[in-house]
Structure formats: C-alpha cells, structure tokens
Amino acid sequence: MVNPFDDDTLTFLVLANDDNQHSLWPSRHAVPAGWRVVHDEDTRENSLAWIETHWHDLRPAGAAK
C-alpha cells in the first residue's frame, strides 16, 4: 500500500494553520480542524512547489515575533 502523502497519482491541497505552518494534504481527505486551504487541489509536484515558493520561515508565526 502506498502512503497517500507519497502517491503521485493523487491530487493534493496545501494547508496552513494559525502559526502559518504549511502541510501537503491529500484532497480526498477532510481538512483537519485548525487548518485552512491556501492552495487549491493540484498535483503533488505542483503543491510541493507552491509550498517551497510561499513558505520561507519554518518557525511558527508566534516564534517569529
């Protein structure tokens, strides 16, 4: 069985939480509480590229202040 987070045949969402931490998320799964969609359904490759382009500071937002 392929881990859904590693499956290039699926589509993904990019999520962010209140600390502006980002996550790749299989679009067939419900978005977990505390997370919001910041990049709509796309390929795994494009979703990872979006994260790389838009998430520069890996520290939680509260720690960056």
N, C-alpha and C. Protein backbone atom coordinates (compact mmCIF):
# COMPACT_ATOMS: atom_id res chain seq x y z
N MET A 1 0.85 -1.18 0.00
CA MET A 1 0.00 0.00 0.00
C MET A 1 0.89 1.24 0.00
N VAL A 2 0.56 2.20 -0.84
CA VAL A 2 1.31 3.43 -0.95
C VAL A 2 0.78 4.43 0.08
N ASN A 3 1.69 5.09 0.77
CA ASN A 3 1.32 6.15 1.70
C ASN A 3 0.64 7.25 0.88
N PRO A 4 -0.57 7.71 1.25
CA PRO A 4 -1.26 8.70 0.44
C PRO A 4 -0.49 10.02 0.31
N PHE A 5 0.42 10.31 1.24
CA PHE A 5 1.20 11.54 1.16
C PHE A 5 2.33 11.43 0.14
N ASP A 6 2.63 10.22 -0.29
CA ASP A 6 3.70 9.97 -1.26
C ASP A 6 3.17 9.53 -2.62
N ASP A 7 1.87 9.50 -2.80
CA ASP A 7 1.25 8.96 -4.01
C ASP A 7 1.13 10.05 -5.08
N ASP A 8 1.96 9.98 -6.10
CA ASP A 8 1.95 10.97 -7.18
C ASP A 8 0.71 10.91 -8.06
N THR A 9 -0.12 9.89 -7.90
CA THR A 9 -1.33 9.79 -8.71
C THR A 9 -2.51 10.54 -8.09
N LEU A 10 -2.38 10.98 -6.86
CA LEU A 10 -3.45 11.70 -6.17
C LEU A 10 -3.31 13.19 -6.39
N THR A 11 -4.37 13.92 -6.06
CA THR A 11 -4.29 15.37 -6.02
C THR A 11 -4.21 15.81 -4.56
N PHE A 12 -3.66 17.01 -4.37
CA PHE A 12 -3.38 17.49 -3.02
C PHE A 12 -3.85 18.91 -2.82
N LEU A 13 -4.00 19.27 -1.57
CA LEU A 13 -4.23 20.64 -1.13
C LEU A 13 -3.00 21.07 -0.36
N VAL A 14 -2.78 22.37 -0.29
CA VAL A 14 -1.78 22.89 0.64
C VAL A 14 -2.57 23.57 1.75
N LEU A 15 -2.28 23.18 2.97
CA LEU A 15 -2.96 23.72 4.14
C LEU A 15 -2.01 24.59 4.95
N ALA A 16 -2.57 25.48 5.74
CA ALA A 16 -1.80 26.27 6.69
C ALA A 16 -2.60 26.35 7.99
N ASN A 17 -1.88 26.44 9.10
CA ASN A 17 -2.55 26.59 10.39
C ASN A 17 -2.37 28.03 10.88
N ASP A 18 -2.83 28.31 12.10
CA ASP A 18 -2.75 29.66 12.64
C ASP A 18 -1.32 30.13 12.85
N ASP A 19 -0.37 29.22 12.95
CA ASP A 19 1.05 29.58 13.08
C ASP A 19 1.72 29.71 11.73
N ASN A 20 0.93 29.65 10.66
CA ASN A 20 1.41 29.75 9.28
C ASN A 20 2.36 28.61 8.90
N GLN A 21 2.21 27.47 9.56
CA GLN A 21 2.93 26.27 9.17
C GLN A 21 2.12 25.63 8.05
N HIS A 22 2.79 25.07 7.06
CA HIS A 22 2.12 24.52 5.88
C HIS A 22 2.20 23.00 5.87
N SER A 23 1.23 22.40 5.18
CA SER A 23 1.17 20.95 5.08
C SER A 23 0.62 20.54 3.72
N LEU A 24 1.21 19.52 3.16
CA LEU A 24 0.68 18.87 1.96
C LEU A 24 -0.41 17.92 2.44
N TRP A 25 -1.59 17.94 1.79
CA TRP A 25 -2.71 17.15 2.28
C TRP A 25 -3.46 16.52 1.11
N PRO A 26 -3.65 15.19 1.13
CA PRO A 26 -4.42 14.54 0.06
C PRO A 26 -5.83 15.14 -0.01
N SER A 27 -6.25 15.56 -1.19
CA SER A 27 -7.53 16.25 -1.32
C SER A 27 -8.73 15.36 -1.05
N ARG A 28 -8.56 14.06 -1.09
CA ARG A 28 -9.69 13.16 -0.83
C ARG A 28 -10.00 13.04 0.65
N HIS A 29 -9.14 13.59 1.51
CA HIS A 29 -9.36 13.56 2.96
C HIS A 29 -9.87 14.91 3.44
N ALA A 30 -10.72 14.88 4.45
CA ALA A 30 -11.25 16.12 5.01
C ALA A 30 -10.12 16.96 5.61
N VAL A 31 -10.26 18.26 5.47
CA VAL A 31 -9.28 19.18 6.06
C VAL A 31 -9.45 19.13 7.57
N PRO A 32 -8.36 18.88 8.30
CA PRO A 32 -8.47 18.77 9.76
C PRO A 32 -8.76 20.12 10.42
N ALA A 33 -9.37 20.05 11.58
CA ALA A 33 -9.68 21.25 12.35
C ALA A 33 -8.40 22.03 12.63
N GLY A 34 -8.49 23.34 12.53
CA GLY A 34 -7.34 24.19 12.79
C GLY A 34 -6.49 24.48 11.58
N TRP A 35 -6.86 23.93 10.43
CA TRP A 35 -6.11 24.14 9.19
C TRP A 35 -7.04 24.74 8.15
N ARG A 36 -6.48 25.51 7.22
CA ARG A 36 -7.25 26.12 6.13
C ARG A 36 -6.52 25.87 4.82
N VAL A 37 -7.26 25.84 3.74
CA VAL A 37 -6.68 25.63 2.40
C VAL A 37 -6.06 26.95 1.93
N VAL A 38 -4.77 26.90 1.54
CA VAL A 38 -4.10 28.09 0.99
C VAL A 38 -3.72 27.89 -0.48
N HIS A 39 -3.82 26.65 -0.96
CA HIS A 39 -3.60 26.35 -2.38
C HIS A 39 -4.55 25.21 -2.74
N ASP A 40 -5.40 25.46 -3.73
CA ASP A 40 -6.43 24.50 -4.10
C ASP A 40 -5.86 23.23 -4.71
N GLU A 41 -6.73 22.28 -4.91
CA GLU A 41 -6.39 20.95 -5.43
C GLU A 41 -5.47 21.04 -6.65
N ASP A 42 -4.39 20.27 -6.58
CA ASP A 42 -3.37 20.31 -7.62
C ASP A 42 -2.58 19.01 -7.55
N THR A 43 -1.65 18.85 -8.47
CA THR A 43 -0.79 17.67 -8.42
C THR A 43 0.12 17.74 -7.19
N ARG A 44 0.68 16.62 -6.81
CA ARG A 44 1.62 16.59 -5.69
C ARG A 44 2.83 17.47 -5.99
N GLU A 45 3.35 17.35 -7.19
CA GLU A 45 4.52 18.12 -7.59
C GLU A 45 4.25 19.63 -7.53
N ASN A 46 3.12 20.06 -8.06
CA ASN A 46 2.79 21.49 -8.04
C ASN A 46 2.52 21.99 -6.62
N SER A 47 1.91 21.15 -5.82
CA SER A 47 1.64 21.53 -4.42
C SER A 47 2.93 21.70 -3.65
N LEU A 48 3.86 20.77 -3.82
CA LEU A 48 5.16 20.90 -3.15
C LEU A 48 5.92 22.13 -3.64
N ALA A 49 5.82 22.42 -4.93
CA ALA A 49 6.47 23.62 -5.47
C ALA A 49 5.84 24.88 -4.88
N TRP A 50 4.54 24.88 -4.69
CA TRP A 50 3.86 26.03 -4.10
C TRP A 50 4.37 26.25 -2.68
N ILE A 51 4.48 25.18 -1.91
CA ILE A 51 4.99 25.29 -0.54
C ILE A 51 6.40 25.86 -0.56
N GLU A 52 7.24 25.35 -1.41
CA GLU A 52 8.62 25.81 -1.47
C GLU A 52 8.71 27.30 -1.84
N THR A 53 7.82 27.75 -2.70
CA THR A 53 7.82 29.14 -3.14
C THR A 53 7.24 30.09 -2.09
N HIS A 54 6.25 29.64 -1.33
CA HIS A 54 5.49 30.54 -0.46
C HIS A 54 5.78 30.41 1.03
N TRP A 55 6.41 29.35 1.47
CA TRP A 55 6.64 29.17 2.91
C TRP A 55 8.13 29.25 3.16
N HIS A 56 8.58 30.43 3.58
CA HIS A 56 10.01 30.67 3.74
C HIS A 56 10.51 30.52 5.17
N ASP A 57 9.68 30.89 6.12
CA ASP A 57 10.08 30.85 7.53
C ASP A 57 9.39 29.66 8.19
N LEU A 58 10.15 28.62 8.50
CA LEU A 58 9.57 27.40 9.04
C LEU A 58 9.18 27.52 10.51
N ARG A 59 9.61 28.58 11.17
CA ARG A 59 9.23 28.77 12.58
C ARG A 59 7.75 29.06 12.67
N PRO A 60 7.09 28.62 13.76
CA PRO A 60 5.70 29.01 13.97
C PRO A 60 5.61 30.54 13.99
N ALA A 61 4.53 31.09 13.48
CA ALA A 61 4.37 32.54 13.38
C ALA A 61 4.59 33.23 14.72
N GLY A 62 4.14 32.64 15.81
CA GLY A 62 4.31 33.23 17.13
C GLY A 62 5.77 33.31 17.54
N ALA A 63 6.60 32.41 17.07
CA ALA A 63 8.03 32.40 17.42
C ALA A 63 8.83 33.41 16.61
N ALA A 64 8.29 33.84 15.48
CA ALA A 64 9.00 34.76 14.60
C ALA A 64 8.89 36.21 15.07
N LYS A 65 8.05 36.46 16.06
CA LYS A 65 7.83 37.84 16.52
C LYS A 65 8.79 38.23 17.61
